[in-house]
PDB file of N, CA and C in Angstrom:
ATOM      1  N   MET A   1      -3.926   7.006 -22.207  1.00  0.00           N
ATOM      2  CA  MET A   1      -3.710   7.203 -20.789  1.00  0.00           C
ATOM      3  C   MET A   1      -4.711   6.344 -20.012  1.00  0.00           C
ATOM      4  N   ASP A   2      -4.274   5.794 -18.907  1.00  0.00           N
ATOM      5  CA  ASP A   2      -5.166   4.919 -18.141  1.00  0.00           C
ATOM      6  C   ASP A   2      -5.445   5.474 -16.740  1.00  0.00           C
ATOM      7  N   PHE A   3      -6.223   4.736 -15.988  1.00  0.00           N
ATOM      8  CA  PHE A   3      -6.672   5.171 -14.668  1.00  0.00           C
ATOM      9  C   PHE A   3      -5.509   5.536 -13.744  1.00  0.00           C
ATOM     10  N   GLY A   4      -4.513   4.677 -13.654  1.00  0.00           N
ATOM     11  CA  GLY A   4      -3.399   4.924 -12.738  1.00  0.00           C
ATOM     12  C   GLY A   4      -2.655   6.208 -13.035  1.00  0.00           C
ATOM     13  N   ILE A   5      -2.435   6.470 -14.310  1.00  0.00           N
ATOM     14  CA  ILE A   5      -1.737   7.694 -14.710  1.00  0.00           C
ATOM     15  C   ILE A   5      -2.596   8.914 -14.387  1.00  0.00           C
ATOM     16  N   ARG A   6      -3.885   8.847 -14.754  1.00  0.00           N
ATOM     17  CA  ARG A   6      -4.802   9.965 -14.467  1.00  0.00           C
ATOM     18  C   ARG A   6      -4.884  10.223 -12.969  1.00  0.00           C
ATOM     19  N   LEU A   7      -4.982   9.157 -12.204  1.00  0.00           N
ATOM     20  CA  LEU A   7      -5.104   9.292 -10.757  1.00  0.00           C
ATOM     21  C   LEU A   7      -3.895  10.022 -10.179  1.00  0.00           C
ATOM     22  N   LYS A   8      -2.722   9.587 -10.551  1.00  0.00           N
ATOM     23  CA  LYS A   8      -1.502  10.201 -10.030  1.00  0.00           C
ATOM     24  C   LYS A   8      -1.402  11.659 -10.459  1.00  0.00           C
ATOM     25  N   GLU A   9      -1.738  11.931 -11.727  1.00  0.00           N
ATOM     26  CA  GLU A   9      -1.720  13.297 -12.255  1.00  0.00           C
ATOM     27  C   GLU A   9      -2.641  14.212 -11.450  1.00  0.00           C
ATOM     28  N   LEU A  10      -3.894  13.789 -11.301  1.00  0.00           N
ATOM     29  CA  LEU A  10      -4.879  14.597 -10.576  1.00  0.00           C
ATOM     30  C   LEU A  10      -4.478  14.779  -9.117  1.00  0.00           C
ATOM     31  N   ARG A  11      -4.003  13.724  -8.520  1.00  0.00           N
ATOM     32  CA  ARG A  11      -3.620  13.778  -7.110  1.00  0.00           C
ATOM     33  C   ARG A  11      -2.486  14.776  -6.890  1.00  0.00           C
ATOM     34  N   LYS A  12      -1.494  14.739  -7.760  1.00  0.00           N
ATOM     35  CA  LYS A  12      -0.354  15.653  -7.623  1.00  0.00           C
ATOM     36  C   LYS A  12      -0.750  17.091  -7.945  1.00  0.00           C
ATOM     37  N   GLU A  13      -1.573  17.279  -8.995  1.00  0.00           N
ATOM     38  CA  GLU A  13      -2.045  18.625  -9.350  1.00  0.00           C
ATOM     39  C   GLU A  13      -2.782  19.273  -8.186  1.00  0.00           C
ATOM     40  N   ARG A  14      -3.549  18.476  -7.474  1.00  0.00           N
ATOM     41  CA  ARG A  14      -4.389  19.004  -6.383  1.00  0.00           C
ATOM     42  C   ARG A  14      -3.708  18.897  -5.019  1.00  0.00           C
ATOM     43  N   LYS A  15      -2.445  18.441  -5.047  1.00  0.00           N
ATOM     44  CA  LYS A  15      -1.638  18.333  -3.824  1.00  0.00           C
ATOM     45  C   LYS A  15      -2.322  17.489  -2.742  1.00  0.00           C
ATOM     46  N   VAL A  16      -2.781  16.325  -3.165  1.00  0.00           N
ATOM     47  CA  VAL A  16      -3.434  15.367  -2.274  1.00  0.00           C
ATOM     48  C   VAL A  16      -2.491  14.176  -2.110  1.00  0.00           C
ATOM     49  N   THR A  17      -2.248  13.757  -0.888  1.00  0.00           N
ATOM     50  CA  THR A  17      -1.388  12.590  -0.669  1.00  0.00           C
ATOM     51  C   THR A  17      -2.186  11.308  -0.921  1.00  0.00           C
ATOM     52  N   GLN A  18      -1.461  10.225  -1.106  1.00  0.00           N
ATOM     53  CA  GLN A  18      -2.131   8.931  -1.266  1.00  0.00           C
ATOM     54  C   GLN A  18      -2.963   8.618  -0.029  1.00  0.00           C
ATOM     55  N   LYS A  19      -2.443   8.928   1.134  1.00  0.00           N
ATOM     56  CA  LYS A  19      -3.146   8.666   2.396  1.00  0.00           C
ATOM     57  C   LYS A  19      -4.438   9.480   2.483  1.00  0.00           C
ATOM     58  N   GLU A  20      -4.370  10.753   2.127  1.00  0.00           N
ATOM     59  CA  GLU A  20      -5.563  11.607   2.153  1.00  0.00           C
ATOM     60  C   GLU A  20      -6.626  11.086   1.193  1.00  0.00           C
ATOM     61  N   LEU A  21      -6.196  10.702   0.005  1.00  0.00           N
ATOM     62  CA  LEU A  21      -7.136  10.172  -0.978  1.00  0.00           C
ATOM     63  C   LEU A  21      -7.740   8.864  -0.485  1.00  0.00           C
ATOM     64  N   ALA A  22      -6.912   8.001   0.049  1.00  0.00           N
ATOM     65  CA  ALA A  22      -7.399   6.718   0.571  1.00  0.00           C
ATOM     66  C   ALA A  22      -8.450   6.934   1.657  1.00  0.00           C
ATOM     67  N   ASN A  23      -8.198   7.867   2.553  1.00  0.00           N
ATOM     68  CA  ASN A  23      -9.165   8.164   3.615  1.00  0.00           C
ATOM     69  C   ASN A  23     -10.482   8.660   3.036  1.00  0.00           C
ATOM     70  N   ALA A  24     -10.411   9.509   2.025  1.00  0.00           N
ATOM     71  CA  ALA A  24     -11.621  10.057   1.405  1.00  0.00           C
ATOM     72  C   ALA A  24     -12.413   8.982   0.661  1.00  0.00           C
ATOM     73  N   LEU A  25     -11.699   8.016   0.082  1.00  0.00           N
ATOM     74  CA  LEU A  25     -12.357   6.976  -0.711  1.00  0.00           C
ATOM     75  C   LEU A  25     -12.757   5.758   0.116  1.00  0.00           C
ATOM     76  N   GLY A  26     -12.217   5.656   1.320  1.00  0.00           N
ATOM     77  CA  GLY A  26     -12.523   4.505   2.159  1.00  0.00           C
ATOM     78  C   GLY A  26     -11.741   3.261   1.785  1.00  0.00           C
ATOM     79  N   CYS A  27     -10.483   3.468   1.422  1.00  0.00           N
ATOM     80  CA  CYS A  27      -9.609   2.330   1.103  1.00  0.00           C
ATOM     81  C   CYS A  27      -8.252   2.583   1.753  1.00  0.00           C
ATOM     82  N   SER A  28      -7.309   1.694   1.524  1.00  0.00           N
ATOM     83  CA  SER A  28      -5.982   1.847   2.120  1.00  0.00           C
ATOM     84  C   SER A  28      -5.059   2.649   1.203  1.00  0.00           C
ATOM     85  N   GLN A  29      -4.028   3.222   1.817  1.00  0.00           N
ATOM     86  CA  GLN A  29      -3.021   3.950   1.043  1.00  0.00           C
ATOM     87  C   GLN A  29      -2.320   3.003   0.083  1.00  0.00           C
ATOM     88  N   SER A  30      -2.105   1.769   0.503  1.00  0.00           N
ATOM     89  CA  SER A  30      -1.424   0.808  -0.371  1.00  0.00           C
ATOM     90  C   SER A  30      -2.268   0.482  -1.605  1.00  0.00           C
ATOM     91  N   MET A  31      -3.587   0.520  -1.465  1.00  0.00           N
ATOM     92  CA  MET A  31      -4.455   0.281  -2.616  1.00  0.00           C
ATOM     93  C   MET A  31      -4.297   1.406  -3.640  1.00  0.00           C
ATOM     94  N   VAL A  32      -4.264   2.647  -3.170  1.00  0.00           N
ATOM     95  CA  VAL A  32      -4.057   3.789  -4.069  1.00  0.00           C
ATOM     96  C   VAL A  32      -2.708   3.648  -4.768  1.00  0.00           C
ATOM     97  N   ALA A  33      -1.683   3.269  -4.019  1.00  0.00           N
ATOM     98  CA  ALA A  33      -0.348   3.081  -4.599  1.00  0.00           C
ATOM     99  C   ALA A  33      -0.364   1.985  -5.663  1.00  0.00           C
ATOM    100  N   GLN A  34      -1.098   0.905  -5.415  1.00  0.00           N
ATOM    101  CA  GLN A  34      -1.190  -0.190  -6.393  1.00  0.00           C
ATOM    102  C   GLN A  34      -1.895   0.260  -7.667  1.00  0.00           C
ATOM    103  N   TRP A  35      -2.929   1.077  -7.538  1.00  0.00           N
ATOM    104  CA  TRP A  35      -3.606   1.598  -8.734  1.00  0.00           C
ATOM    105  C   TRP A  35      -2.650   2.456  -9.548  1.00  0.00           C
ATOM    106  N   GLU A  36      -1.899   3.322  -8.861  1.00  0.00           N
ATOM    107  CA  GLU A  36      -0.987   4.232  -9.558  1.00  0.00           C
ATOM    108  C   GLU A  36       0.170   3.488 -10.218  1.00  0.00           C
ATOM    109  N   SER A  37       0.574   2.374  -9.650  1.00  0.00           N
ATOM    110  CA  SER A  37       1.706   1.621 -10.204  1.00  0.00           C
ATOM    111  C   SER A  37       1.259   0.451 -11.080  1.00  0.00           C
ATOM    112  N   HIS A  38      -0.021   0.409 -11.383  1.00  0.00           N
ATOM    113  CA  HIS A  38      -0.605  -0.609 -12.267  1.00  0.00           C
ATOM    114  C   HIS A  38      -0.483  -2.034 -11.735  1.00  0.00           C
ATOM    115  N   LYS A  39      -0.388  -2.182 -10.420  1.00  0.00           N
ATOM    116  CA  LYS A  39      -0.312  -3.519  -9.826  1.00  0.00           C
ATOM    117  C   LYS A  39      -1.695  -4.076  -9.522  1.00  0.00           C
ATOM    118  N   ASN A  40      -2.686  -3.193  -9.548  1.00  0.00           N
ATOM    119  CA  ASN A  40      -4.054  -3.590  -9.257  1.00  0.00           C
ATOM    120  C   ASN A  40      -4.984  -2.638  -9.991  1.00  0.00           C
ATOM    121  N   LYS A  41      -6.182  -3.101 -10.300  1.00  0.00           N
ATOM    122  CA  LYS A  41      -7.166  -2.251 -10.965  1.00  0.00           C
ATOM    123  C   LYS A  41      -8.304  -1.957  -9.996  1.00  0.00           C
ATOM    124  N   PRO A  42      -8.817  -0.727 -10.027  1.00  0.00           N
ATOM    125  CA  PRO A  42      -9.910  -0.381  -9.120  1.00  0.00           C
ATOM    126  C   PRO A  42     -11.229  -1.001  -9.575  1.00  0.00           C
ATOM    127  N   THR A  43     -12.119  -1.202  -8.623  1.00  0.00           N
ATOM    128  CA  THR A  43     -13.464  -1.657  -8.966  1.00  0.00           C
ATOM    129  C   THR A  43     -14.231  -0.479  -9.564  1.00  0.00           C
ATOM    130  N   GLU A  44     -15.364  -0.780 -10.182  1.00  0.00           N
ATOM    131  CA  GLU A  44     -16.204   0.280 -10.746  1.00  0.00           C
ATOM    132  C   GLU A  44     -16.585   1.284  -9.665  1.00  0.00           C
ATOM    133  N   ASP A  45     -16.871   0.789  -8.482  1.00  0.00           N
ATOM    134  CA  ASP A  45     -17.256   1.658  -7.372  1.00  0.00           C
ATOM    135  C   ASP A  45     -16.166   2.678  -7.060  1.00  0.00           C
ATOM    136  N   PHE A  46     -14.912   2.237  -7.023  1.00  0.00           N
ATOM    137  CA  PHE A  46     -13.821   3.157  -6.718  1.00  0.00           C
ATOM    138  C   PHE A  46     -13.533   4.101  -7.882  1.00  0.00           C
ATOM    139  N   ILE A  47     -13.776   3.673  -9.093  1.00  0.00           N
ATOM    140  CA  ILE A  47     -13.625   4.578 -10.239  1.00  0.00           C
ATOM    141  C   ILE A  47     -14.624   5.724 -10.102  1.00  0.00           C
ATOM    142  N   VAL A  48     -15.859   5.389  -9.767  1.00  0.00           N
ATOM    143  CA  VAL A  48     -16.903   6.411  -9.588  1.00  0.00           C
ATOM    144  C   VAL A  48     -16.558   7.325  -8.412  1.00  0.00           C
ATOM    145  N   LYS A  49     -16.154   6.751  -7.282  1.00  0.00           N
ATOM    146  CA  LYS A  49     -15.805   7.552  -6.103  1.00  0.00           C
ATOM    147  C   LYS A  49     -14.648   8.505  -6.408  1.00  0.00           C
ATOM    148  N   THR A  50     -13.659   8.011  -7.134  1.00  0.00           N
ATOM    149  CA  THR A  50     -12.499   8.829  -7.473  1.00  0.00           C
ATOM    150  C   THR A  50     -12.893   9.968  -8.403  1.00  0.00           C
ATOM    151  N   ALA A  51     -13.714   9.673  -9.393  1.00  0.00           N
ATOM    152  CA  ALA A  51     -14.185  10.711 -10.316  1.00  0.00           C
ATOM    153  C   ALA A  51     -14.952  11.793  -9.562  1.00  0.00           C
ATOM    154  N   LYS A  52     -15.807  11.384  -8.644  1.00  0.00           N
ATOM    155  CA  LYS A  52     -16.570  12.357  -7.849  1.00  0.00           C
ATOM    156  C   LYS A  52     -15.640  13.181  -6.964  1.00  0.00           C
ATOM    157  N   TYR A  53     -14.664  12.534  -6.368  1.00  0.00           N
ATOM    158  CA  TYR A  53     -13.725  13.234  -5.485  1.00  0.00           C
ATOM    159  C   TYR A  53     -13.003  14.350  -6.237  1.00  0.00           C
ATOM    160  N   PHE A  54     -12.554  14.049  -7.455  1.00  0.00           N
ATOM    161  CA  PHE A  54     -11.811  15.030  -8.246  1.00  0.00           C
ATOM    162  C   PHE A  54     -12.709  15.871  -9.153  1.00  0.00           C
ATOM    163  N   ASP A  55     -14.021  15.619  -9.114  1.00  0.00           N
ATOM    164  CA  ASP A  55     -15.002  16.354  -9.912  1.00  0.00           C
ATOM    165  C   ASP A  55     -14.689  16.260 -11.412  1.00  0.00           C
ATOM    166  N   VAL A  56     -14.454  15.029 -11.858  1.00  0.00           N
ATOM    167  CA  VAL A  56     -14.244  14.741 -13.282  1.00  0.00           C
ATOM    168  C   VAL A  56     -15.141  13.560 -13.657  1.00  0.00           C
ATOM    169  N   SER A  57     -15.241  13.281 -14.943  1.00  0.00           N
ATOM    170  CA  SER A  57     -16.071  12.158 -15.379  1.00  0.00           C
ATOM    171  C   SER A  57     -15.317  10.834 -15.250  1.00  0.00           C
ATOM    172  N   THR A  58     -16.076   9.760 -15.205  1.00  0.00           N
ATOM    173  CA  THR A  58     -15.442   8.438 -15.185  1.00  0.00           C
ATOM    174  C   THR A  58     -14.725   8.191 -16.509  1.00  0.00           C
ATOM    175  N   ASP A  59     -15.264   8.704 -17.603  1.00  0.00           N
ATOM    176  CA  ASP A  59     -14.582   8.578 -18.897  1.00  0.00           C
ATOM    177  C   ASP A  59     -13.207   9.232 -18.839  1.00  0.00           C
ATOM    178  N   TYR A  60     -13.118  10.382 -18.197  1.00  0.00           N
ATOM    179  CA  TYR A  60     -11.830  11.057 -18.042  1.00  0.00           C
ATOM    180  C   TYR A  60     -10.885  10.200 -17.197  1.00  0.00           C
ATOM    181  N   MET A  61     -11.393   9.669 -16.083  1.00  0.00           N
ATOM    182  CA  MET A  61     -10.555   8.843 -15.210  1.00  0.00           C
ATOM    183  C   MET A  61     -10.018   7.622 -15.946  1.00  0.00           C
ATOM    184  N   LEU A  62     -10.809   7.083 -16.854  1.00  0.00           N
ATOM    185  CA  LEU A  62     -10.399   5.887 -17.593  1.00  0.00           C
ATOM    186  C   LEU A  62      -9.565   6.210 -18.829  1.00  0.00           C
ATOM    187  N   GLY A  63      -9.350   7.493 -19.094  1.00  0.00           N
ATOM    188  CA  GLY A  63      -8.543   7.894 -20.236  1.00  0.00           C
ATOM    189  C   GLY A  63      -9.272   7.825 -21.561  1.00  0.00           C
ATOM    190  N   LEU A  64     -10.603   7.776 -21.519  1.00  0.00           N
ATOM    191  CA  LEU A  64     -11.385   7.696 -22.753  1.00  0.00           C
ATOM    192  C   LEU A  64     -11.563   9.058 -23.405  1.00  0.00           C
ATOM    193  N   ILE A  65     -11.490  10.121 -22.600  1.00  0.00           N
ATOM    194  CA  ILE A  65     -11.551  11.491 -23.117  1.00  0.00           C
ATOM    195  C   ILE A  65     -10.487  12.322 -22.423  1.00  0.00           C
ATOM    196  N   ASP A  66     -10.139  13.454 -23.029  1.00  0.00           N
ATOM    197  CA  ASP A  66      -9.137  14.354 -22.429  1.00  0.00           C
ATOM    198  C   ASP A  66      -9.772  15.502 -21.716  1.00  0.00           C
TER     199      ASP A  66
END
């Protein structure tokens, strides 16, 4: 499992829209959509911000652990 899949899973589980997540992370909604659809990869900074937002580890976000 990779970042985009984990991101979409967590976002839907927590009932967070792409727009809400983008606002919290300081990026655009289209950027979140690109990560989820594998059209773009997040920077290390956004991986860390996303992990903190969802209160999970970066390893989890990257699919290295379950």
